Amino acid sequence: MWNRFDWEKVVSIPSKHNIVLSVVVDSEYLYAGGIDDFVSVFKLSDFSHVINLEGHNADVFSFAIDDDYVYSGSGEVWWGGPGSPRPPSFESSVRVWKKKTWESVKTLDGHTDNVNAIAVDETRVYSSSDDGTVRVYDKTDWTQWVLDLQSGPLKTLVIDDEHIYVAGNDCLIRKVPKSLFQT
């Protein structure tokens, strides 16, 4: 970590991963994911290690957080690359972790390739994947909607109050109304 005012190094945190692929912070914790199939949790106050959240059967590519949960998306870095057949044993899901107990309370399945980005709002979880889909999960009952953009791998996704913005390898940013996913 670097001080943003003078760019002096403040601290290095040993994340317990061979390669760190994703990080996110909330008001109390820093979460790191990588190629070791778990989520490392550190206290922001002193960067001490709190726990490793274990349960993924693949690398941790992405995160989102809300007041109660941590959402982590999985995939596989070392599977052979684009065009190579992807072994069906690789997990491509979003895990939901309860912050108070650190337990995995739900696995949101459906993607068939790396979950590269996750976003959350008050009622839904949004994810994008190398499989070319955006998946939207309702937090009350985990109902799932699928939007296949026919675009190839999707690398990033963000949301605002009314839209989902998703971009991928085709160099396009797509703006999708959230209203498409009404019950």
N, C-alpha and C. Protein backbone atom coordinates (compact mmCIF):
# COMPACT_ATOMS: atom_id res chain seq x y z
N MET A 1 0.84 -1.17 0.00
CA MET A 1 0.00 0.00 0.00
C MET A 1 0.89 1.23 0.00
N TRP A 2 0.40 2.24 -0.70
CA TRP A 2 1.17 3.45 -0.89
C TRP A 2 0.38 4.66 -0.40
N ASN A 3 1.07 5.61 0.21
CA ASN A 3 0.46 6.86 0.63
C ASN A 3 0.18 7.68 -0.62
N ARG A 4 -1.07 8.06 -0.84
CA ARG A 4 -1.42 8.73 -2.09
C ARG A 4 -0.94 10.17 -2.18
N PHE A 5 -0.45 10.73 -1.09
CA PHE A 5 0.00 12.12 -1.11
C PHE A 5 1.47 12.26 -1.50
N ASP A 6 2.32 11.33 -1.02
CA ASP A 6 3.74 11.41 -1.38
C ASP A 6 4.25 10.13 -2.05
N TRP A 7 3.38 9.15 -2.25
CA TRP A 7 3.68 7.88 -2.89
C TRP A 7 4.77 7.09 -2.20
N GLU A 8 4.91 7.32 -0.90
CA GLU A 8 5.80 6.49 -0.08
C GLU A 8 5.08 5.20 0.28
N LYS A 9 5.83 4.13 0.34
CA LYS A 9 5.26 2.84 0.72
C LYS A 9 4.85 2.89 2.19
N VAL A 10 3.63 2.47 2.48
CA VAL A 10 3.12 2.43 3.85
C VAL A 10 3.30 1.05 4.45
N VAL A 11 2.83 0.04 3.72
CA VAL A 11 2.88 -1.33 4.24
C VAL A 11 2.73 -2.31 3.09
N SER A 12 3.32 -3.47 3.24
CA SER A 12 3.06 -4.59 2.35
C SER A 12 2.35 -5.65 3.17
N ILE A 13 1.30 -6.22 2.62
CA ILE A 13 0.52 -7.22 3.32
C ILE A 13 0.78 -8.57 2.69
N PRO A 14 1.31 -9.52 3.45
CA PRO A 14 1.48 -10.86 2.88
C PRO A 14 0.10 -11.53 2.73
N SER A 15 -0.35 -11.65 1.50
CA SER A 15 -1.74 -12.06 1.27
C SER A 15 -1.98 -13.57 1.37
N LYS A 16 -0.95 -14.36 1.47
CA LYS A 16 -1.05 -15.82 1.55
C LYS A 16 -1.43 -16.46 0.22
N HIS A 17 -1.32 -15.71 -0.88
CA HIS A 17 -1.62 -16.24 -2.21
C HIS A 17 -0.35 -16.27 -3.04
N ASN A 18 -0.28 -17.23 -3.95
CA ASN A 18 0.83 -17.24 -4.90
C ASN A 18 0.74 -16.05 -5.84
N ILE A 19 -0.44 -15.82 -6.37
CA ILE A 19 -0.72 -14.66 -7.21
C ILE A 19 -2.03 -14.06 -6.75
N VAL A 20 -2.06 -12.77 -6.45
CA VAL A 20 -3.29 -12.08 -6.06
C VAL A 20 -3.98 -11.60 -7.32
N LEU A 21 -5.25 -11.96 -7.48
CA LEU A 21 -6.02 -11.59 -8.66
C LEU A 21 -7.05 -10.49 -8.37
N SER A 22 -7.44 -10.33 -7.10
CA SER A 22 -8.50 -9.36 -6.80
C SER A 22 -8.43 -8.92 -5.34
N VAL A 23 -8.81 -7.67 -5.11
CA VAL A 23 -8.93 -7.14 -3.75
C VAL A 23 -10.14 -6.23 -3.67
N VAL A 24 -10.68 -6.10 -2.48
CA VAL A 24 -11.77 -5.17 -2.20
C VAL A 24 -11.70 -4.81 -0.73
N VAL A 25 -12.19 -3.63 -0.35
CA VAL A 25 -12.20 -3.21 1.05
C VAL A 25 -13.59 -2.73 1.43
N ASP A 26 -13.90 -2.86 2.70
CA ASP A 26 -15.07 -2.20 3.28
C ASP A 26 -14.56 -1.36 4.43
N SER A 27 -15.40 -0.96 5.34
CA SER A 27 -14.97 -0.07 6.43
C SER A 27 -14.09 -0.77 7.46
N GLU A 28 -14.10 -2.10 7.50
CA GLU A 28 -13.34 -2.84 8.51
C GLU A 28 -12.24 -3.74 7.95
N TYR A 29 -12.48 -4.30 6.76
CA TYR A 29 -11.61 -5.38 6.28
C TYR A 29 -11.13 -5.15 4.85
N LEU A 30 -10.00 -5.79 4.55
CA LEU A 30 -9.50 -5.92 3.20
C LEU A 30 -9.61 -7.40 2.85
N TYR A 31 -10.13 -7.69 1.65
CA TYR A 31 -10.31 -9.05 1.19
C TYR A 31 -9.43 -9.25 -0.04
N ALA A 32 -8.70 -10.36 -0.10
CA ALA A 32 -7.84 -10.65 -1.24
C ALA A 32 -8.13 -12.06 -1.75
N GLY A 33 -8.15 -12.20 -3.06
CA GLY A 33 -8.37 -13.50 -3.67
C GLY A 33 -7.29 -13.78 -4.70
N GLY A 34 -7.01 -15.04 -4.91
CA GLY A 34 -5.96 -15.39 -5.86
C GLY A 34 -6.06 -16.81 -6.33
N ILE A 35 -4.89 -17.35 -6.72
CA ILE A 35 -4.89 -18.68 -7.34
C ILE A 35 -4.84 -19.82 -6.32
N ASP A 36 -5.01 -19.50 -5.05
CA ASP A 36 -4.99 -20.54 -4.03
C ASP A 36 -6.38 -20.97 -3.57
N ASP A 37 -7.42 -20.56 -4.29
CA ASP A 37 -8.80 -21.04 -4.06
C ASP A 37 -9.44 -20.59 -2.75
N PHE A 38 -8.97 -19.50 -2.16
CA PHE A 38 -9.61 -19.00 -0.94
C PHE A 38 -9.55 -17.49 -0.90
N VAL A 39 -10.29 -16.92 0.05
CA VAL A 39 -10.33 -15.48 0.27
C VAL A 39 -9.61 -15.19 1.58
N SER A 40 -8.59 -14.33 1.53
CA SER A 40 -7.89 -13.90 2.75
C SER A 40 -8.55 -12.62 3.26
N VAL A 41 -8.80 -12.57 4.57
CA VAL A 41 -9.42 -11.40 5.18
C VAL A 41 -8.43 -10.78 6.15
N PHE A 42 -8.22 -9.45 6.03
CA PHE A 42 -7.30 -8.70 6.90
C PHE A 42 -8.03 -7.52 7.53
N LYS A 43 -7.70 -7.21 8.79
CA LYS A 43 -8.22 -6.01 9.44
C LYS A 43 -7.59 -4.78 8.82
N LEU A 44 -8.39 -3.79 8.50
CA LEU A 44 -7.84 -2.55 7.95
C LEU A 44 -7.05 -1.77 8.99
N SER A 45 -7.43 -1.88 10.26
CA SER A 45 -6.81 -1.08 11.32
C SER A 45 -5.32 -1.39 11.48
N ASP A 46 -4.93 -2.66 11.35
CA ASP A 46 -3.51 -3.01 11.53
C ASP A 46 -3.01 -4.02 10.50
N PHE A 47 -3.85 -4.38 9.53
CA PHE A 47 -3.53 -5.32 8.45
C PHE A 47 -3.21 -6.73 8.96
N SER A 48 -3.69 -7.05 10.16
CA SER A 48 -3.49 -8.41 10.65
C SER A 48 -4.44 -9.37 9.94
N HIS A 49 -3.97 -10.59 9.77
CA HIS A 49 -4.76 -11.62 9.10
C HIS A 49 -5.87 -12.09 10.04
N VAL A 50 -7.10 -12.14 9.55
CA VAL A 50 -8.25 -12.55 10.35
C VAL A 50 -8.61 -14.01 10.07
N ILE A 51 -8.79 -14.34 8.80
CA ILE A 51 -9.25 -15.68 8.44
C ILE A 51 -9.06 -15.90 6.94
N ASN A 52 -8.97 -17.15 6.54
CA ASN A 52 -9.07 -17.52 5.13
C ASN A 52 -10.45 -18.16 4.93
N LEU A 53 -11.21 -17.63 3.99
CA LEU A 53 -12.53 -18.19 3.68
C LEU A 53 -12.32 -19.27 2.62
N GLU A 54 -12.49 -20.51 3.04
CA GLU A 54 -12.23 -21.64 2.17
C GLU A 54 -13.53 -22.26 1.69
N GLY A 55 -13.54 -22.68 0.45
CA GLY A 55 -14.73 -23.29 -0.13
C GLY A 55 -14.73 -23.26 -1.64
N HIS A 56 -14.05 -22.28 -2.21
CA HIS A 56 -13.94 -22.25 -3.67
C HIS A 56 -13.14 -23.45 -4.15
N ASN A 57 -13.49 -23.95 -5.31
CA ASN A 57 -12.72 -25.02 -5.94
C ASN A 57 -12.02 -24.49 -7.18
N ALA A 58 -11.70 -23.21 -7.16
CA ALA A 58 -11.01 -22.56 -8.28
C ALA A 58 -10.44 -21.23 -7.78
N ASP A 59 -9.74 -20.54 -8.67
CA ASP A 59 -9.13 -19.25 -8.33
C ASP A 59 -10.20 -18.19 -8.06
N VAL A 60 -9.86 -17.21 -7.23
CA VAL A 60 -10.81 -16.14 -6.90
C VAL A 60 -10.47 -14.91 -7.75
N PHE A 61 -11.35 -14.61 -8.70
CA PHE A 61 -11.13 -13.57 -9.69
C PHE A 61 -11.74 -12.22 -9.32
N SER A 62 -12.82 -12.20 -8.55
CA SER A 62 -13.59 -10.97 -8.40
C SER A 62 -14.30 -10.91 -7.05
N PHE A 63 -14.66 -9.67 -6.68
CA PHE A 63 -15.34 -9.43 -5.40
C PHE A 63 -16.40 -8.34 -5.53
N ALA A 64 -17.34 -8.40 -4.62
CA ALA A 64 -18.24 -7.28 -4.32
C ALA A 64 -18.61 -7.45 -2.85
N ILE A 65 -19.03 -6.37 -2.22
CA ILE A 65 -19.41 -6.42 -0.81
C ILE A 65 -20.64 -5.56 -0.58
N ASP A 66 -21.41 -5.92 0.43
CA ASP A 66 -22.47 -5.06 0.93
C ASP A 66 -22.36 -5.07 2.45
N ASP A 67 -23.34 -4.59 3.15
CA ASP A 67 -23.24 -4.50 4.61
C ASP A 67 -23.14 -5.86 5.30
N ASP A 68 -23.75 -6.88 4.73
CA ASP A 68 -23.83 -8.17 5.40
C ASP A 68 -22.98 -9.29 4.77
N TYR A 69 -22.65 -9.15 3.49
CA TYR A 69 -22.04 -10.27 2.78
C TYR A 69 -20.84 -9.84 1.94
N VAL A 70 -19.98 -10.83 1.69
CA VAL A 70 -18.89 -10.73 0.73
C VAL A 70 -19.25 -11.69 -0.40
N TYR A 71 -19.10 -11.24 -1.63
CA TYR A 71 -19.40 -12.05 -2.81
C TYR A 71 -18.09 -12.25 -3.56
N SER A 72 -17.71 -13.50 -3.81
CA SER A 72 -16.45 -13.77 -4.51
C SER A 72 -16.71 -14.66 -5.73
N GLY A 73 -16.11 -14.27 -6.85
CA GLY A 73 -16.31 -14.99 -8.10
C GLY A 73 -15.10 -15.83 -8.46
N SER A 74 -15.34 -17.01 -9.01
CA SER A 74 -14.24 -17.94 -9.26
C SER A 74 -14.08 -18.28 -10.75
N GLY A 75 -12.95 -18.87 -11.02
CA GLY A 75 -12.60 -19.33 -12.36
C GLY A 75 -11.25 -20.01 -12.31
N GLU A 76 -10.62 -20.15 -13.44
CA GLU A 76 -9.35 -20.86 -13.47
C GLU A 76 -8.38 -20.16 -14.41
N VAL A 77 -7.21 -19.79 -13.87
CA VAL A 77 -6.19 -19.12 -14.67
C VAL A 77 -5.48 -20.10 -15.59
N TRP A 78 -5.11 -21.24 -15.08
CA TRP A 78 -4.19 -22.15 -15.78
C TRP A 78 -4.89 -23.27 -16.52
N TRP A 79 -5.88 -23.01 -17.31
CA TRP A 79 -6.61 -24.09 -17.98
C TRP A 79 -6.24 -24.28 -19.43
N GLY A 80 -5.37 -23.51 -20.00
CA GLY A 80 -4.95 -23.75 -21.37
C GLY A 80 -5.16 -22.57 -22.30
N GLY A 81 -5.96 -21.61 -21.91
CA GLY A 81 -6.13 -20.41 -22.71
C GLY A 81 -7.28 -20.47 -23.69
N PRO A 82 -7.55 -19.34 -24.33
CA PRO A 82 -8.67 -19.25 -25.28
C PRO A 82 -8.60 -20.31 -26.36
N GLY A 83 -9.73 -20.93 -26.62
CA GLY A 83 -9.79 -21.96 -27.63
C GLY A 83 -9.52 -23.36 -27.12
N SER A 84 -8.90 -23.46 -25.95
CA SER A 84 -8.64 -24.78 -25.37
C SER A 84 -9.91 -25.30 -24.71
N PRO A 85 -10.13 -26.60 -24.78
CA PRO A 85 -11.31 -27.14 -24.09
C PRO A 85 -11.19 -26.92 -22.59
N ARG A 86 -12.24 -26.42 -21.98
CA ARG A 86 -12.24 -26.13 -20.55
C ARG A 86 -12.75 -27.35 -19.80
N PRO A 87 -11.95 -27.90 -18.88
CA PRO A 87 -12.42 -29.04 -18.10
C PRO A 87 -13.68 -28.69 -17.30
N PRO A 88 -14.69 -29.56 -17.31
CA PRO A 88 -15.95 -29.27 -16.61
C PRO A 88 -15.80 -29.23 -15.09
N SER A 89 -14.68 -29.69 -14.57
CA SER A 89 -14.50 -29.72 -13.12
C SER A 89 -14.19 -28.34 -12.55
N PHE A 90 -13.84 -27.36 -13.37
CA PHE A 90 -13.50 -26.03 -12.86
C PHE A 90 -14.76 -25.30 -12.39
N GLU A 91 -14.68 -24.76 -11.21
CA GLU A 91 -15.79 -23.99 -10.65
C GLU A 91 -15.84 -22.61 -11.30
N SER A 92 -17.02 -22.18 -11.66
CA SER A 92 -17.26 -20.84 -12.19
C SER A 92 -18.53 -20.32 -11.51
N SER A 93 -18.39 -19.85 -10.28
CA SER A 93 -19.56 -19.46 -9.51
C SER A 93 -19.27 -18.23 -8.66
N VAL A 94 -20.32 -17.74 -8.03
CA VAL A 94 -20.21 -16.66 -7.06
C VAL A 94 -20.55 -17.26 -5.71
N ARG A 95 -19.64 -17.13 -4.76
CA ARG A 95 -19.91 -17.58 -3.39
C ARG A 95 -20.34 -16.39 -2.55
N VAL A 96 -21.28 -16.64 -1.67
CA VAL A 96 -21.80 -15.60 -0.77
C VAL A 96 -21.34 -15.97 0.64
N TRP A 97 -20.58 -15.05 1.27
CA TRP A 97 -20.01 -15.27 2.60
C TRP A 97 -20.66 -14.30 3.58
N LYS A 98 -21.13 -14.82 4.71
CA LYS A 98 -21.74 -13.97 5.74
C LYS A 98 -20.63 -13.33 6.58
N LYS A 99 -20.61 -12.02 6.67
CA LYS A 99 -19.54 -11.32 7.37
C LYS A 99 -19.50 -11.62 8.87
N LYS A 100 -20.63 -11.79 9.51
CA LYS A 100 -20.62 -11.99 10.96
C LYS A 100 -20.03 -13.33 11.38
N THR A 101 -20.19 -14.35 10.53
CA THR A 101 -19.72 -15.69 10.89
C THR A 101 -18.63 -16.22 9.96
N TRP A 102 -18.41 -15.53 8.85
CA TRP A 102 -17.45 -15.93 7.82
C TRP A 102 -17.81 -17.25 7.15
N GLU A 103 -19.05 -17.69 7.24
CA GLU A 103 -19.44 -18.95 6.60
C GLU A 103 -19.95 -18.68 5.18
N SER A 104 -19.76 -19.68 4.32
CA SER A 104 -20.32 -19.63 2.98
C SER A 104 -21.79 -20.02 3.08
N VAL A 105 -22.68 -19.12 2.71
CA VAL A 105 -24.11 -19.37 2.88
C VAL A 105 -24.82 -19.72 1.58
N LYS A 106 -24.15 -19.46 0.44
CA LYS A 106 -24.79 -19.75 -0.83
C LYS A 106 -23.73 -19.81 -1.93
N THR A 107 -23.93 -20.69 -2.89
CA THR A 107 -23.13 -20.72 -4.10
C THR A 107 -24.06 -20.43 -5.26
N LEU A 108 -23.77 -19.36 -6.00
CA LEU A 108 -24.60 -18.96 -7.14
C LEU A 108 -23.97 -19.51 -8.41
N ASP A 109 -24.55 -20.57 -8.93
CA ASP A 109 -24.02 -21.26 -10.09
C ASP A 109 -24.65 -20.73 -11.37
N GLY A 110 -24.15 -21.21 -12.48
CA GLY A 110 -24.72 -20.88 -13.78
C GLY A 110 -23.68 -20.52 -14.81
N HIS A 111 -22.66 -19.77 -14.42
CA HIS A 111 -21.61 -19.42 -15.38
C HIS A 111 -20.84 -20.69 -15.76
N THR A 112 -20.32 -20.69 -16.99
CA THR A 112 -19.54 -21.84 -17.47
C THR A 112 -18.08 -21.48 -17.70
N ASP A 113 -17.69 -20.26 -17.31
CA ASP A 113 -16.31 -19.83 -17.45
C ASP A 113 -16.04 -18.79 -16.35
N ASN A 114 -14.84 -18.26 -16.32
CA ASN A 114 -14.39 -17.37 -15.24
C ASN A 114 -15.38 -16.24 -14.94
N VAL A 115 -15.65 -16.04 -13.65
CA VAL A 115 -16.49 -14.93 -13.19
C VAL A 115 -15.54 -13.76 -12.94
N ASN A 116 -15.49 -12.83 -13.90
CA ASN A 116 -14.50 -11.75 -13.88
C ASN A 116 -14.92 -10.52 -13.09
N ALA A 117 -16.21 -10.30 -12.91
CA ALA A 117 -16.67 -9.10 -12.20
C ALA A 117 -17.98 -9.37 -11.50
N ILE A 118 -18.14 -8.71 -10.35
CA ILE A 118 -19.37 -8.81 -9.56
C ILE A 118 -19.72 -7.40 -9.08
N ALA A 119 -21.00 -7.09 -9.05
CA ALA A 119 -21.50 -5.85 -8.46
C ALA A 119 -22.76 -6.19 -7.68
N VAL A 120 -23.06 -5.41 -6.66
CA VAL A 120 -24.27 -5.63 -5.88
C VAL A 120 -24.97 -4.31 -5.63
N ASP A 121 -26.29 -4.39 -5.49
CA ASP A 121 -27.06 -3.26 -5.00
C ASP A 121 -27.93 -3.79 -3.86
N GLU A 122 -28.94 -3.07 -3.46
CA GLU A 122 -29.73 -3.49 -2.30
C GLU A 122 -30.48 -4.80 -2.53
N THR A 123 -30.86 -5.09 -3.78
CA THR A 123 -31.71 -6.25 -4.03
C THR A 123 -31.10 -7.34 -4.90
N ARG A 124 -29.99 -7.04 -5.59
CA ARG A 124 -29.48 -8.00 -6.56
C ARG A 124 -27.96 -8.13 -6.55
N VAL A 125 -27.51 -9.27 -7.09
CA VAL A 125 -26.09 -9.53 -7.34
C VAL A 125 -25.95 -9.67 -8.85
N TYR A 126 -24.96 -8.99 -9.43
CA TYR A 126 -24.72 -8.99 -10.87
C TYR A 126 -23.33 -9.58 -11.11
N SER A 127 -23.20 -10.45 -12.11
CA SER A 127 -21.88 -11.00 -12.43
C SER A 127 -21.70 -11.10 -13.94
N SER A 128 -20.44 -10.95 -14.37
CA SER A 128 -20.12 -11.12 -15.78
C SER A 128 -18.99 -12.14 -15.90
N SER A 129 -18.93 -12.78 -17.07
CA SER A 129 -18.06 -13.93 -17.20
C SER A 129 -17.43 -14.03 -18.59
N ASP A 130 -16.37 -14.80 -18.64
CA ASP A 130 -15.77 -15.14 -19.93
C ASP A 130 -16.72 -15.95 -20.80
N ASP A 131 -17.81 -16.47 -20.24
CA ASP A 131 -18.78 -17.21 -21.05
C ASP A 131 -19.69 -16.29 -21.86
N GLY A 132 -19.50 -14.96 -21.73
CA GLY A 132 -20.27 -14.00 -22.50
C GLY A 132 -21.62 -13.63 -21.91
N THR A 133 -21.88 -14.06 -20.68
CA THR A 133 -23.17 -13.76 -20.07
C THR A 133 -23.03 -12.85 -18.86
N VAL A 134 -24.12 -12.14 -18.62
CA VAL A 134 -24.33 -11.42 -17.37
C VAL A 134 -25.41 -12.20 -16.64
N ARG A 135 -25.15 -12.50 -15.38
CA ARG A 135 -26.16 -13.18 -14.56
C ARG A 135 -26.59 -12.24 -13.47
N VAL A 136 -27.88 -12.22 -13.21
CA VAL A 136 -28.46 -11.36 -12.18
C VAL A 136 -29.20 -12.26 -11.21
N TYR A 137 -28.86 -12.17 -9.93
CA TYR A 137 -29.47 -13.00 -8.89
C TYR A 137 -30.23 -12.11 -7.91
N ASP A 138 -31.48 -12.46 -7.65
CA ASP A 138 -32.28 -11.74 -6.67
C ASP A 138 -31.87 -12.19 -5.27
N LYS A 139 -31.57 -11.26 -4.39
CA LYS A 139 -31.07 -11.61 -3.05
C LYS A 139 -32.13 -12.25 -2.16
N THR A 140 -33.41 -12.06 -2.44
CA THR A 140 -34.43 -12.62 -1.55
C THR A 140 -34.61 -14.12 -1.72
N ASP A 141 -34.56 -14.61 -2.97
CA ASP A 141 -34.77 -16.04 -3.20
C ASP A 141 -33.77 -16.65 -4.18
N TRP A 142 -32.79 -15.87 -4.60
CA TRP A 142 -31.72 -16.28 -5.51
C TRP A 142 -32.21 -16.64 -6.91
N THR A 143 -33.41 -16.14 -7.27
CA THR A 143 -33.87 -16.27 -8.65
C THR A 143 -32.78 -15.72 -9.56
N GLN A 144 -32.60 -16.37 -10.72
CA GLN A 144 -31.51 -16.00 -11.62
C GLN A 144 -32.06 -15.62 -13.00
N TRP A 145 -31.55 -14.50 -13.53
CA TRP A 145 -31.80 -14.11 -14.92
C TRP A 145 -30.47 -14.19 -15.65
N VAL A 146 -30.54 -14.53 -16.94
CA VAL A 146 -29.34 -14.64 -17.75
C VAL A 146 -29.48 -13.72 -18.97
N LEU A 147 -28.46 -12.92 -19.20
CA LEU A 147 -28.39 -12.07 -20.37
C LEU A 147 -27.17 -12.51 -21.18
N ASP A 148 -27.40 -13.13 -22.33
CA ASP A 148 -26.31 -13.57 -23.20
C ASP A 148 -26.07 -12.47 -24.23
N LEU A 149 -24.94 -11.80 -24.12
CA LEU A 149 -24.66 -10.67 -24.99
C LEU A 149 -24.04 -11.08 -26.33
N GLN A 150 -23.82 -12.39 -26.54
CA GLN A 150 -23.27 -12.87 -27.81
C GLN A 150 -22.01 -12.07 -28.19
N SER A 151 -21.16 -11.84 -27.19
CA SER A 151 -20.03 -10.93 -27.41
C SER A 151 -18.67 -11.55 -27.16
N GLY A 152 -18.63 -12.76 -26.69
CA GLY A 152 -17.37 -13.33 -26.26
C GLY A 152 -17.12 -12.97 -24.80
N PRO A 153 -15.90 -13.15 -24.33
CA PRO A 153 -15.60 -12.93 -22.91
C PRO A 153 -15.94 -11.52 -22.42
N LEU A 154 -16.58 -11.47 -21.25
CA LEU A 154 -16.91 -10.20 -20.59
C LEU A 154 -15.97 -10.04 -19.41
N LYS A 155 -15.24 -8.94 -19.36
CA LYS A 155 -14.17 -8.77 -18.38
C LYS A 155 -14.52 -7.88 -17.20
N THR A 156 -15.45 -6.95 -17.38
CA THR A 156 -15.76 -6.05 -16.27
C THR A 156 -17.23 -5.67 -16.30
N LEU A 157 -17.73 -5.27 -15.14
CA LEU A 157 -19.13 -4.92 -14.99
C LEU A 157 -19.23 -3.93 -13.83
N VAL A 158 -19.98 -2.87 -14.01
CA VAL A 158 -20.31 -1.92 -12.94
C VAL A 158 -21.78 -1.57 -13.08
N ILE A 159 -22.35 -1.01 -12.01
CA ILE A 159 -23.76 -0.64 -12.03
C ILE A 159 -23.94 0.77 -11.49
N ASP A 160 -25.05 1.38 -11.87
CA ASP A 160 -25.52 2.59 -11.20
C ASP A 160 -26.96 2.32 -10.81
N ASP A 161 -27.73 3.33 -10.47
CA ASP A 161 -29.10 3.10 -10.00
C ASP A 161 -30.01 2.47 -11.06
N GLU A 162 -29.75 2.72 -12.33
CA GLU A 162 -30.67 2.27 -13.37
C GLU A 162 -30.08 1.32 -14.41
N HIS A 163 -28.73 1.21 -14.46
CA HIS A 163 -28.12 0.46 -15.54
C HIS A 163 -27.00 -0.46 -15.08
N ILE A 164 -26.71 -1.44 -15.94
CA ILE A 164 -25.54 -2.30 -15.84
C ILE A 164 -24.64 -1.90 -17.01
N TYR A 165 -23.37 -1.71 -16.75
CA TYR A 165 -22.40 -1.42 -17.81
C TYR A 165 -21.42 -2.58 -17.84
N VAL A 166 -21.27 -3.19 -19.00
CA VAL A 166 -20.43 -4.37 -19.10
C VAL A 166 -19.54 -4.24 -20.35
N ALA A 167 -18.29 -4.68 -20.21
CA ALA A 167 -17.33 -4.60 -21.31
C ALA A 167 -16.53 -5.88 -21.39
N GLY A 168 -16.04 -6.15 -22.60
CA GLY A 168 -15.30 -7.38 -22.79
C GLY A 168 -14.24 -7.26 -23.85
N ASN A 169 -13.86 -8.42 -24.37
CA ASN A 169 -12.78 -8.50 -25.34
C ASN A 169 -13.12 -7.89 -26.69
N ASP A 170 -14.40 -7.59 -26.96
CA ASP A 170 -14.78 -7.03 -28.25
C ASP A 170 -14.65 -5.50 -28.30
N CYS A 171 -14.09 -4.91 -27.24
CA CYS A 171 -13.82 -3.46 -27.17
C CYS A 171 -15.08 -2.61 -27.11
N LEU A 172 -16.21 -3.18 -26.72
CA LEU A 172 -17.45 -2.43 -26.59
C LEU A 172 -17.88 -2.36 -25.14
N ILE A 173 -18.48 -1.25 -24.76
CA ILE A 173 -19.12 -1.12 -23.45
C ILE A 173 -20.62 -1.11 -23.70
N ARG A 174 -21.31 -2.00 -23.05
CA ARG A 174 -22.76 -2.09 -23.23
C ARG A 174 -23.47 -1.54 -22.00
N LYS A 175 -24.53 -0.80 -22.26
CA LYS A 175 -25.37 -0.22 -21.21
C LYS A 175 -26.71 -0.96 -21.25
N VAL A 176 -27.01 -1.68 -20.17
CA VAL A 176 -28.21 -2.51 -20.10
C VAL A 176 -29.10 -2.00 -18.98
N PRO A 177 -30.37 -1.71 -19.26
CA PRO A 177 -31.27 -1.24 -18.20
C PRO A 177 -31.54 -2.35 -17.17
N LYS A 178 -31.47 -2.01 -15.91
CA LYS A 178 -31.80 -2.98 -14.86
C LYS A 178 -33.26 -3.41 -14.94
N SER A 179 -34.10 -2.57 -15.52
CA SER A 179 -35.53 -2.88 -15.60
C SER A 179 -35.81 -4.14 -16.43
N LEU A 180 -34.85 -4.63 -17.19
CA LEU A 180 -35.02 -5.90 -17.91
C LEU A 180 -35.19 -7.07 -16.96
N PHE A 181 -34.75 -6.90 -15.73
CA PHE A 181 -34.74 -8.01 -14.77
C PHE A 181 -35.78 -7.78 -13.68
N GLN A 182 -37.01 -7.63 -14.08
CA GLN A 182 -38.12 -7.43 -13.15
C GLN A 182 -38.85 -8.74 -12.93
N THR A 183 -39.39 -8.91 -11.73
CA THR A 183 -40.17 -10.13 -11.45
C THR A 183 -41.62 -9.93 -11.78
